[in-house]
Amino acid sequence: MPKFEETLAELDIKLFEKIASQTTDDDKKSLLAVQNAVREINPHYKYLEIGSHLGGSLQPHLLDEKCSIIYSIDKRPLVQPDERGVNYGYPENSTKRMLDLLSETGSTEKIHTIDGETKRINKGEIKEKVQLCFIDGEHTDKATNIDFDFCLDVLDKSGAIVFHDSFVIYNAIWDCIEKLKARNINFKAYNLPSVVFVIEINDFPLHKHSHIQNLLLENNRGYLFSLRQNDEYRRFTTGFPMNYIWKLCIKLGIKF
């Protein structure tokens, strides 16, 4: 365990090495920074994750003795829609496969798995309030909004909700923030490199931790990474045949 403590404190992404995770190295460091901050605020924290797939992002929490419970929610689709207009495949997507892989990392005793989507799950299945939620399920605005509402309901009075792939679900994140404003819920929101978006709810000051502060000073990487990920759409609209269509519309006086 002392070795784990040292590895986590150094934001060493080797903690993710046993199971593949669909995250960049910067994402991994940001998630480890969040974990460092959470466990400092609550040394018996409960963690909930939506969209675990193979369990890659569960690894550091599984190894962490300060994480007392892990809730893993996944509807286990073989194909999943996405705001980018492409359906992504998840072959052999099963809870058993995930648990088998995680068992090679450590005991899976504290993991409570729930197969299904949050709009149909009974919130009573989350027996204890959680302090950290990670949303990485279906990357559509509608699903993300539903996942956020679920997390808000099972979150402790103070806690954090973290989103992955913020460059895809940015409209949903905007909606989530507007909901918090409408309900007069205190929050702080920010992006960490590459595409990890954090919302602190009430008094849960992750941002005061030195690791988070250092990453906030480097959030240009996340901002530019997100723009570059979406740059293919700009290239499409400015290339042939779209540029020809734009010029023709301007010539004909057609406005959009």
Protein backbone atom coordinates (compact mmCIF):
# COMPACT_ATOMS: atom_id res chain seq x y z
CA MET A 1 0.00 0.00 0.00
CA PRO A 2 2.78 2.54 0.72
CA LYS A 3 3.90 2.00 -2.88
CA PHE A 4 0.37 2.74 -4.08
CA GLU A 5 0.25 5.93 -2.02
CA GLU A 6 3.51 7.10 -3.54
CA THR A 7 2.46 6.17 -7.07
CA LEU A 8 -0.88 7.95 -6.72
CA ALA A 9 0.71 11.05 -5.19
CA GLU A 10 3.06 11.24 -8.17
CA LEU A 11 0.14 10.99 -10.63
CA ASP A 12 1.87 7.97 -12.10
CA ILE A 13 -0.30 6.65 -14.93
CA LYS A 14 1.11 3.17 -14.42
CA LEU A 15 -1.93 2.74 -12.17
CA PHE A 16 -3.92 2.34 -15.38
CA GLU A 17 -1.56 -0.03 -17.16
CA LYS A 18 -3.21 -3.42 -16.54
CA ILE A 19 -6.49 -2.65 -18.33
CA ALA A 20 -6.79 -0.50 -21.43
CA SER A 21 -8.62 2.76 -20.88
CA GLN A 22 -10.03 5.09 -23.55
CA THR A 23 -8.27 8.07 -22.03
CA THR A 24 -5.24 10.16 -22.94
CA ASP A 25 -2.22 10.33 -20.65
CA ASP A 26 -3.36 13.82 -19.63
CA ASP A 27 -6.82 12.46 -18.82
CA LYS A 28 -5.28 9.80 -16.62
CA LYS A 29 -3.21 12.37 -14.72
CA SER A 30 -6.28 14.56 -14.25
CA LEU A 31 -8.32 11.64 -12.91
CA LEU A 32 -5.53 10.74 -10.49
CA ALA A 33 -5.33 14.37 -9.37
CA VAL A 34 -9.07 14.33 -8.65
CA GLN A 35 -8.69 11.08 -6.72
CA ASN A 36 -5.88 12.59 -4.63
CA ALA A 37 -8.06 15.55 -3.76
CA VAL A 38 -11.19 13.51 -3.01
CA ARG A 39 -9.47 11.08 -0.65
CA GLU A 40 -7.93 14.03 1.21
CA ILE A 41 -11.37 15.58 1.76
CA ASN A 42 -13.03 12.25 2.58
CA PRO A 43 -10.72 9.35 3.55
CA HIS A 44 -13.60 6.86 3.21
CA TYR A 45 -15.03 8.12 -0.07
CA LYS A 46 -17.57 6.28 -2.20
CA TYR A 47 -17.13 6.27 -5.97
CA LEU A 48 -19.76 5.86 -8.69
CA GLU A 49 -18.94 5.39 -12.36
CA ILE A 50 -21.29 5.34 -15.33
CA GLY A 51 -19.81 3.58 -18.35
CA SER A 52 -17.08 1.27 -17.09
CA HIS A 53 -16.66 -1.02 -20.15
CA LEU A 54 -13.48 -3.02 -19.36
CA GLY A 55 -12.89 -1.30 -16.02
CA GLY A 56 -9.87 0.77 -17.03
CA SER A 57 -10.84 3.86 -15.06
CA LEU A 58 -11.86 1.78 -12.03
CA GLN A 59 -8.31 0.50 -11.44
CA PRO A 60 -6.93 3.29 -9.19
CA HIS A 61 -10.05 3.29 -7.01
CA LEU A 62 -9.99 -0.49 -6.72
CA LEU A 63 -6.44 -0.30 -5.35
CA ASP A 64 -7.23 2.59 -3.02
CA GLU A 65 -7.98 1.53 0.56
CA LYS A 66 -9.52 4.95 1.15
CA CYS A 67 -12.19 4.16 -1.44
CA SER A 68 -14.74 2.18 0.57
CA ILE A 69 -17.31 1.37 -2.15
CA ILE A 70 -17.35 1.40 -5.95
CA TYR A 71 -20.63 1.49 -7.88
CA SER A 72 -20.20 0.60 -11.54
CA ILE A 73 -23.20 1.28 -13.80
CA ASP A 74 -23.16 0.20 -17.43
CA LYS A 75 -26.00 -0.80 -19.76
CA ARG A 76 -23.46 -2.95 -21.62
CA PRO A 77 -24.33 -2.12 -25.24
CA LEU A 78 -22.51 -3.75 -28.12
CA VAL A 79 -23.04 -0.57 -30.16
CA GLN A 80 -23.52 2.90 -28.71
CA PRO A 81 -24.65 6.21 -30.32
CA ASP A 82 -22.51 9.33 -30.10
CA GLU A 83 -23.01 13.08 -30.70
CA ARG A 84 -20.39 12.91 -33.45
CA GLY A 85 -22.90 11.02 -35.59
CA VAL A 86 -21.10 7.68 -35.46
CA ASN A 87 -22.15 4.55 -33.59
CA TYR A 88 -19.21 3.08 -31.68
CA GLY A 89 -18.82 -0.65 -31.15
CA TYR A 90 -18.06 -2.32 -27.80
CA PRO A 91 -17.57 -6.02 -28.61
CA GLU A 92 -17.72 -8.58 -25.80
CA ASN A 93 -19.03 -5.88 -23.48
CA SER A 94 -20.02 -7.70 -20.29
CA THR A 95 -19.79 -7.23 -16.54
CA LYS A 96 -18.20 -10.65 -16.14
CA ARG A 97 -15.41 -9.77 -18.55
CA MET A 98 -14.76 -6.52 -16.66
CA LEU A 99 -14.67 -8.22 -13.27
CA ASP A 100 -12.37 -10.95 -14.59
CA LEU A 101 -9.92 -8.31 -15.82
CA LEU A 102 -10.14 -6.30 -12.60
CA SER A 103 -9.57 -9.39 -10.47
CA GLU A 104 -6.05 -9.49 -11.89
CA THR A 105 -5.51 -6.03 -10.39
CA GLY A 106 -6.96 -6.66 -6.94
CA SER A 107 -9.95 -7.90 -4.99
CA THR A 108 -13.26 -6.85 -6.57
CA GLU A 109 -15.18 -7.28 -3.34
CA LYS A 110 -16.03 -3.61 -2.95
CA ILE A 111 -17.38 -3.25 -6.49
CA HIS A 112 -21.18 -3.22 -6.84
CA THR A 113 -22.15 -3.63 -10.50
CA ILE A 114 -25.47 -2.55 -11.96
CA ASP A 115 -26.33 -3.43 -15.55
CA GLY A 116 -28.68 -0.91 -17.11
CA GLU A 117 -29.16 2.76 -17.94
CA THR A 118 -29.68 5.36 -15.24
CA LYS A 119 -33.18 6.38 -16.37
CA ARG A 120 -34.41 2.88 -15.48
CA ILE A 121 -32.30 2.13 -12.41
CA ASN A 122 -33.84 2.37 -8.97
CA LYS A 123 -31.76 4.93 -7.07
CA GLY A 124 -32.27 2.78 -3.98
CA GLU A 125 -29.65 0.41 -5.42
CA ILE A 126 -27.08 3.02 -4.41
CA LYS A 127 -27.13 2.19 -0.71
CA GLU A 128 -24.86 4.99 0.45
CA LYS A 129 -24.37 8.56 -0.74
CA VAL A 130 -21.30 8.92 -2.94
CA GLN A 131 -18.72 11.70 -2.99
CA LEU A 132 -17.36 11.24 -6.51
CA CYS A 133 -19.23 10.42 -9.72
CA PHE A 134 -17.60 9.84 -13.11
CA ILE A 135 -19.82 10.03 -16.19
CA ASP A 136 -18.40 8.23 -19.23
CA GLY A 137 -21.43 6.41 -20.61
CA GLU A 138 -23.37 7.06 -23.80
CA HIS A 139 -21.89 10.18 -25.36
CA THR A 140 -25.13 11.87 -26.33
CA ASP A 141 -26.49 15.05 -24.79
CA LYS A 142 -29.75 13.38 -23.77
CA ALA A 143 -28.09 10.43 -22.02
CA THR A 144 -25.51 12.67 -20.33
CA ASN A 145 -28.24 14.88 -18.91
CA ILE A 146 -30.03 11.83 -17.52
CA ASP A 147 -26.79 10.47 -16.05
CA PHE A 148 -26.08 13.83 -14.42
CA ASP A 149 -29.54 13.96 -12.82
CA PHE A 150 -29.00 10.47 -11.45
CA CYS A 151 -25.60 11.42 -10.03
CA LEU A 152 -26.98 14.56 -8.46
CA ASP A 153 -29.64 12.49 -6.68
CA VAL A 154 -27.19 9.95 -5.23
CA LEU A 155 -24.40 12.42 -4.49
CA ASP A 156 -23.64 13.41 -0.92
CA LYS A 157 -24.52 16.92 0.23
CA SER A 158 -21.08 17.92 -1.04
CA GLY A 159 -19.23 16.04 -3.75
CA ALA A 160 -18.01 16.14 -7.33
CA ILE A 161 -19.39 15.03 -10.67
CA VAL A 162 -16.76 14.49 -13.37
CA PHE A 163 -17.35 14.06 -17.10
CA HIS A 164 -15.07 12.48 -19.66
CA ASP A 165 -14.90 13.52 -23.34
CA SER A 166 -16.16 17.03 -22.64
CA PHE A 167 -15.42 18.03 -26.25
CA VAL A 168 -18.21 15.68 -27.36
CA ILE A 169 -20.89 16.35 -24.72
CA TYR A 170 -20.24 20.08 -24.14
CA ASN A 171 -23.89 20.99 -24.81
CA ALA A 172 -25.04 18.55 -22.13
CA ILE A 173 -22.50 19.95 -19.67
CA TRP A 174 -23.83 23.43 -20.40
CA ASP A 175 -27.36 22.17 -19.64
CA CYS A 176 -26.19 20.57 -16.39
CA ILE A 177 -24.64 23.83 -15.22
CA GLU A 178 -27.82 25.72 -16.11
CA LYS A 179 -29.82 23.25 -14.00
CA LEU A 180 -27.58 23.92 -11.01
CA LYS A 181 -28.04 27.66 -11.46
CA ALA A 182 -31.83 27.27 -11.71
CA ARG A 183 -31.89 25.23 -8.50
CA ASN A 184 -29.58 27.66 -6.68
CA ILE A 185 -27.05 24.90 -6.00
CA ASN A 186 -23.56 26.18 -5.26
CA PHE A 187 -20.93 24.81 -7.61
CA LYS A 188 -17.58 25.38 -9.26
CA ALA A 189 -16.84 24.06 -12.74
CA TYR A 190 -13.66 23.72 -14.77
CA ASN A 191 -11.91 21.63 -17.40
CA LEU A 192 -8.74 19.63 -16.81
CA PRO A 193 -6.43 18.27 -19.54
CA SER A 194 -7.29 16.69 -21.86
CA VAL A 195 -11.09 16.44 -21.73
CA VAL A 196 -12.00 15.92 -18.06
CA PHE A 197 -14.66 18.34 -16.87
CA VAL A 198 -15.23 18.74 -13.13
CA ILE A 199 -18.24 20.14 -11.29
CA GLU A 200 -17.79 20.58 -7.55
CA ILE A 201 -21.12 20.59 -5.73
CA ASN A 202 -21.45 22.75 -2.59
CA ASP A 203 -18.40 22.62 -0.29
CA PHE A 204 -16.09 20.14 -1.98
CA PRO A 205 -12.96 22.16 -2.83
CA LEU A 206 -10.98 19.84 -5.06
CA HIS A 207 -9.59 22.94 -6.76
CA LYS A 208 -7.59 23.83 -3.63
CA HIS A 209 -5.45 20.70 -3.92
CA SER A 210 -2.01 21.43 -5.33
CA HIS A 211 -2.36 18.79 -8.07
CA ILE A 212 -5.58 20.37 -9.36
CA GLN A 213 -4.13 23.87 -9.16
CA ASN A 214 -1.13 22.79 -11.23
CA LEU A 215 -3.39 21.24 -13.86
CA LEU A 216 -5.58 24.33 -13.97
CA LEU A 217 -2.49 26.35 -14.87
CA GLU A 218 -1.99 23.95 -17.77
CA ASN A 219 -5.58 23.80 -18.96
CA ASN A 220 -4.55 25.39 -22.27
CA ARG A 221 -3.73 21.80 -23.26
CA GLY A 222 -7.30 20.70 -22.68
CA TYR A 223 -8.76 23.72 -24.46
CA LEU A 224 -6.58 23.29 -27.54
CA PHE A 225 -6.97 19.49 -27.52
CA SER A 226 -10.76 19.89 -27.66
CA LEU A 227 -10.60 22.37 -30.55
CA ARG A 228 -8.24 20.13 -32.49
CA GLN A 229 -10.52 17.10 -31.97
CA ASN A 230 -13.39 19.03 -33.57
CA ASP A 231 -11.24 20.54 -36.32
CA GLU A 232 -12.25 17.86 -38.82
CA TYR A 233 -15.71 19.44 -38.96
CA ARG A 234 -14.19 22.82 -39.81
CA ARG A 235 -12.12 21.19 -42.54
CA PHE A 236 -15.27 19.55 -43.88
CA THR A 237 -17.26 22.80 -44.01
CA THR A 238 -14.42 24.76 -45.61
CA GLY A 239 -13.39 22.09 -48.12
CA PHE A 240 -14.95 20.86 -51.34
CA PRO A 241 -17.88 20.52 -51.94
CA MET A 242 -19.12 22.52 -48.93
CA ASN A 243 -17.08 25.63 -49.76
CA TYR A 244 -18.60 25.60 -53.24
CA ILE A 245 -22.11 25.33 -51.78
CA TRP A 246 -21.40 28.22 -49.36
CA LYS A 247 -20.21 30.45 -52.21
CA LEU A 248 -23.23 29.53 -54.32
CA CYS A 249 -25.60 30.34 -51.44
CA ILE A 250 -23.94 33.73 -50.94
CA LYS A 251 -24.20 34.44 -54.66
CA LEU A 252 -27.92 33.51 -54.64
CA GLY A 253 -28.54 35.53 -51.49
CA ILE A 254 -29.53 32.49 -49.41
CA LYS A 255 -29.04 33.06 -45.68
CA PHE A 256 -28.74 30.47 -42.94
